[in-house]
Amino acid sequence: MNAVDWFEIPAANFERACAFYESTLAIKLNTDNYMENMQLAAFPYQHPGVGGAVIKADHLQPSASGTLVYLYTRVGRAP
């Protein structure tokens, strides 16, 4: 199992950030507006595996400390 489970890269300009990662990594992000006031574009991944997304939300701002990394734990999960 990977130590990293999910990551979020905040973006002020969502469309520009998505275009940058799609061009740089030669991939297609999966866009979803599943929550009010939030845009999310997920990097392709196979579950179980490490996933992540470019995200634009009122409570997140791009900065030197802005990327969120979620670590895998067994807490609350079946063995």
N, C-alpha and C. Protein backbone atom coordinates (compact mmCIF):
# COMPACT_ATOMS: atom_id res chain seq x y z
N MET A 1 0.84 -1.18 0.00
CA MET A 1 0.00 0.00 0.00
C MET A 1 0.89 1.24 0.00
N ASN A 2 0.49 2.24 -0.73
CA ASN A 2 1.23 3.50 -0.79
C ASN A 2 0.97 4.34 0.45
N ALA A 3 1.98 5.09 0.88
CA ALA A 3 1.81 5.99 2.01
C ALA A 3 0.93 7.17 1.62
N VAL A 4 1.08 7.65 0.39
CA VAL A 4 0.26 8.75 -0.10
C VAL A 4 -1.00 8.17 -0.72
N ASP A 5 -2.15 8.75 -0.38
CA ASP A 5 -3.44 8.26 -0.85
C ASP A 5 -4.06 9.20 -1.88
N TRP A 6 -3.97 10.52 -1.65
CA TRP A 6 -4.60 11.52 -2.50
C TRP A 6 -3.87 12.85 -2.33
N PHE A 7 -3.85 13.68 -3.38
CA PHE A 7 -3.27 15.02 -3.27
C PHE A 7 -4.16 16.01 -4.00
N GLU A 8 -4.12 17.26 -3.55
CA GLU A 8 -4.89 18.34 -4.18
C GLU A 8 -3.96 19.52 -4.44
N ILE A 9 -3.96 20.00 -5.68
CA ILE A 9 -3.16 21.15 -6.08
C ILE A 9 -4.10 22.33 -6.28
N PRO A 10 -4.10 23.31 -5.38
CA PRO A 10 -4.98 24.47 -5.53
C PRO A 10 -4.61 25.30 -6.76
N ALA A 11 -5.62 25.88 -7.40
CA ALA A 11 -5.40 26.70 -8.59
C ALA A 11 -6.28 27.95 -8.52
N ALA A 12 -5.68 29.12 -8.77
CA ALA A 12 -6.45 30.36 -8.85
C ALA A 12 -7.14 30.46 -10.20
N ASN A 13 -6.43 30.04 -11.26
CA ASN A 13 -6.99 30.02 -12.62
C ASN A 13 -7.12 28.55 -13.01
N PHE A 14 -8.31 28.00 -12.75
CA PHE A 14 -8.56 26.57 -12.92
C PHE A 14 -8.29 26.09 -14.34
N GLU A 15 -8.82 26.80 -15.33
CA GLU A 15 -8.66 26.37 -16.73
C GLU A 15 -7.19 26.39 -17.14
N ARG A 16 -6.46 27.42 -16.75
CA ARG A 16 -5.03 27.51 -17.09
C ARG A 16 -4.24 26.39 -16.42
N ALA A 17 -4.53 26.12 -15.15
CA ALA A 17 -3.82 25.06 -14.44
C ALA A 17 -4.09 23.70 -15.08
N CYS A 18 -5.34 23.42 -15.42
CA CYS A 18 -5.68 22.15 -16.08
C CYS A 18 -4.96 22.02 -17.41
N ALA A 19 -4.97 23.09 -18.21
CA ALA A 19 -4.28 23.06 -19.50
C ALA A 19 -2.78 22.81 -19.32
N PHE A 20 -2.18 23.43 -18.30
CA PHE A 20 -0.75 23.25 -18.03
C PHE A 20 -0.44 21.78 -17.73
N TYR A 21 -1.17 21.17 -16.79
CA TYR A 21 -0.88 19.78 -16.43
C TYR A 21 -1.21 18.81 -17.56
N GLU A 22 -2.28 19.05 -18.29
CA GLU A 22 -2.60 18.18 -19.43
C GLU A 22 -1.52 18.24 -20.50
N SER A 23 -1.03 19.44 -20.78
CA SER A 23 0.02 19.61 -21.79
C SER A 23 1.36 19.06 -21.32
N THR A 24 1.73 19.40 -20.09
CA THR A 24 3.03 18.99 -19.56
C THR A 24 3.13 17.48 -19.39
N LEU A 25 2.05 16.85 -18.91
CA LEU A 25 2.07 15.42 -18.63
C LEU A 25 1.47 14.56 -19.73
N ALA A 26 0.97 15.21 -20.80
CA ALA A 26 0.33 14.51 -21.93
C ALA A 26 -0.77 13.57 -21.43
N ILE A 27 -1.68 14.13 -20.63
CA ILE A 27 -2.80 13.37 -20.07
C ILE A 27 -4.09 14.17 -20.24
N LYS A 28 -5.21 13.55 -19.92
CA LYS A 28 -6.51 14.21 -19.90
C LYS A 28 -7.04 14.15 -18.47
N LEU A 29 -7.28 15.31 -17.88
CA LEU A 29 -7.84 15.36 -16.53
C LEU A 29 -9.35 15.13 -16.60
N ASN A 30 -9.90 14.50 -15.58
CA ASN A 30 -11.33 14.22 -15.49
C ASN A 30 -11.99 15.32 -14.66
N THR A 31 -12.73 16.19 -15.31
CA THR A 31 -13.32 17.36 -14.66
C THR A 31 -14.67 17.03 -14.05
N ASP A 32 -14.89 17.56 -12.83
CA ASP A 32 -16.15 17.35 -12.15
C ASP A 32 -16.44 18.56 -11.25
N ASN A 33 -17.66 19.04 -11.27
CA ASN A 33 -18.09 20.11 -10.37
C ASN A 33 -19.08 19.51 -9.39
N TYR A 34 -18.58 18.67 -8.51
CA TYR A 34 -19.46 17.89 -7.65
C TYR A 34 -19.88 18.63 -6.38
N MET A 35 -19.26 19.76 -6.08
CA MET A 35 -19.65 20.52 -4.90
C MET A 35 -19.81 21.99 -5.27
N GLU A 36 -20.71 22.66 -4.59
CA GLU A 36 -20.91 24.08 -4.83
C GLU A 36 -19.64 24.84 -4.47
N ASN A 37 -19.29 25.83 -5.28
CA ASN A 37 -18.11 26.67 -5.06
C ASN A 37 -16.80 25.90 -5.13
N MET A 38 -16.77 24.79 -5.87
CA MET A 38 -15.54 24.02 -6.01
C MET A 38 -15.47 23.41 -7.41
N GLN A 39 -14.30 23.49 -8.02
CA GLN A 39 -14.04 22.81 -9.29
C GLN A 39 -12.91 21.83 -9.04
N LEU A 40 -13.00 20.66 -9.63
CA LEU A 40 -12.01 19.62 -9.43
C LEU A 40 -11.73 18.93 -10.75
N ALA A 41 -10.46 18.71 -11.05
CA ALA A 41 -10.05 17.95 -12.24
C ALA A 41 -9.05 16.89 -11.78
N ALA A 42 -9.47 15.64 -11.81
CA ALA A 42 -8.66 14.54 -11.29
C ALA A 42 -7.67 14.02 -12.33
N PHE A 43 -6.47 13.72 -11.85
CA PHE A 43 -5.47 13.05 -12.67
C PHE A 43 -5.92 11.61 -12.85
N PRO A 44 -5.65 11.01 -14.02
CA PRO A 44 -6.03 9.61 -14.23
C PRO A 44 -5.29 8.69 -13.25
N TYR A 45 -6.00 7.75 -12.68
CA TYR A 45 -5.39 6.75 -11.80
C TYR A 45 -6.28 5.53 -11.70
N GLN A 46 -5.70 4.43 -11.30
CA GLN A 46 -6.43 3.18 -11.08
C GLN A 46 -6.54 2.95 -9.58
N HIS A 47 -7.76 2.65 -9.12
CA HIS A 47 -7.96 2.37 -7.71
C HIS A 47 -7.67 0.90 -7.46
N PRO A 48 -6.95 0.44 -6.47
CA PRO A 48 -6.34 1.27 -5.45
C PRO A 48 -5.01 1.81 -5.93
N GLY A 49 -4.82 3.06 -5.78
CA GLY A 49 -3.58 3.72 -6.18
C GLY A 49 -3.63 5.16 -5.74
N VAL A 50 -2.56 5.85 -5.98
CA VAL A 50 -2.47 7.25 -5.60
C VAL A 50 -3.22 8.09 -6.62
N GLY A 51 -4.12 8.92 -6.14
CA GLY A 51 -4.88 9.82 -7.01
C GLY A 51 -4.68 11.25 -6.56
N GLY A 52 -5.09 12.17 -7.41
CA GLY A 52 -4.97 13.57 -7.05
C GLY A 52 -5.72 14.44 -8.03
N ALA A 53 -5.76 15.73 -7.72
CA ALA A 53 -6.55 16.63 -8.55
C ALA A 53 -6.05 18.06 -8.47
N VAL A 54 -6.33 18.80 -9.53
CA VAL A 54 -6.24 20.25 -9.51
C VAL A 54 -7.58 20.71 -8.96
N ILE A 55 -7.57 21.67 -8.04
CA ILE A 55 -8.81 22.07 -7.39
C ILE A 55 -8.88 23.58 -7.22
N LYS A 56 -10.07 24.11 -7.47
CA LYS A 56 -10.33 25.52 -7.20
C LYS A 56 -11.48 25.59 -6.21
N ALA A 57 -11.20 26.17 -5.05
CA ALA A 57 -12.20 26.29 -3.99
C ALA A 57 -11.91 27.56 -3.19
N ASP A 58 -12.96 28.13 -2.63
CA ASP A 58 -12.81 29.36 -1.86
C ASP A 58 -11.83 29.23 -0.70
N HIS A 59 -11.78 28.06 -0.07
CA HIS A 59 -10.94 27.87 1.11
C HIS A 59 -9.50 27.46 0.79
N LEU A 60 -9.17 27.29 -0.49
CA LEU A 60 -7.81 26.89 -0.89
C LEU A 60 -7.19 27.95 -1.78
N GLN A 61 -5.94 28.28 -1.52
CA GLN A 61 -5.21 29.24 -2.33
C GLN A 61 -3.86 28.65 -2.72
N PRO A 62 -3.46 28.84 -3.99
CA PRO A 62 -2.12 28.40 -4.38
C PRO A 62 -1.07 29.18 -3.59
N SER A 63 -0.08 28.47 -3.08
CA SER A 63 1.00 29.10 -2.33
C SER A 63 2.12 28.08 -2.15
N ALA A 64 3.19 28.52 -1.53
CA ALA A 64 4.31 27.61 -1.28
C ALA A 64 3.88 26.46 -0.38
N SER A 65 2.86 26.65 0.44
CA SER A 65 2.39 25.59 1.33
C SER A 65 0.97 25.15 0.98
N GLY A 66 0.57 25.35 -0.28
CA GLY A 66 -0.81 25.14 -0.66
C GLY A 66 -1.20 23.73 -1.08
N THR A 67 -0.29 22.89 -1.51
CA THR A 67 -0.65 21.55 -1.94
C THR A 67 -0.97 20.68 -0.74
N LEU A 68 -2.12 20.00 -0.80
CA LEU A 68 -2.53 19.10 0.29
C LEU A 68 -2.20 17.67 -0.10
N VAL A 69 -1.60 16.94 0.81
CA VAL A 69 -1.28 15.54 0.59
C VAL A 69 -1.96 14.74 1.69
N TYR A 70 -2.77 13.77 1.30
CA TYR A 70 -3.47 12.91 2.25
C TYR A 70 -2.72 11.59 2.34
N LEU A 71 -2.41 11.17 3.55
CA LEU A 71 -1.67 9.94 3.77
C LEU A 71 -2.64 8.80 4.08
N TYR A 72 -2.27 7.63 3.62
CA TYR A 72 -3.07 6.42 3.88
C TYR A 72 -2.88 5.98 5.32
N THR A 73 -3.98 5.66 5.97
CA THR A 73 -3.93 5.03 7.30
C THR A 73 -4.96 3.92 7.33
N ARG A 74 -4.83 3.02 8.27
CA ARG A 74 -5.80 1.94 8.40
C ARG A 74 -6.98 2.36 9.29
N VAL A 75 -6.91 3.52 9.88
CA VAL A 75 -7.97 3.98 10.78
C VAL A 75 -9.29 4.05 10.02
N GLY A 76 -10.29 3.38 10.53
CA GLY A 76 -11.60 3.42 9.91
C GLY A 76 -11.73 2.54 8.67
N ARG A 77 -10.74 1.72 8.38
CA ARG A 77 -10.80 0.85 7.20
C ARG A 77 -10.67 -0.61 7.63
N ALA A 78 -11.31 -1.46 6.91
CA ALA A 78 -11.18 -2.90 7.18
C ALA A 78 -9.81 -3.38 6.76
N PRO A 79 -9.25 -4.34 7.46
CA PRO A 79 -7.91 -4.87 7.09
C PRO A 79 -7.92 -5.56 5.75
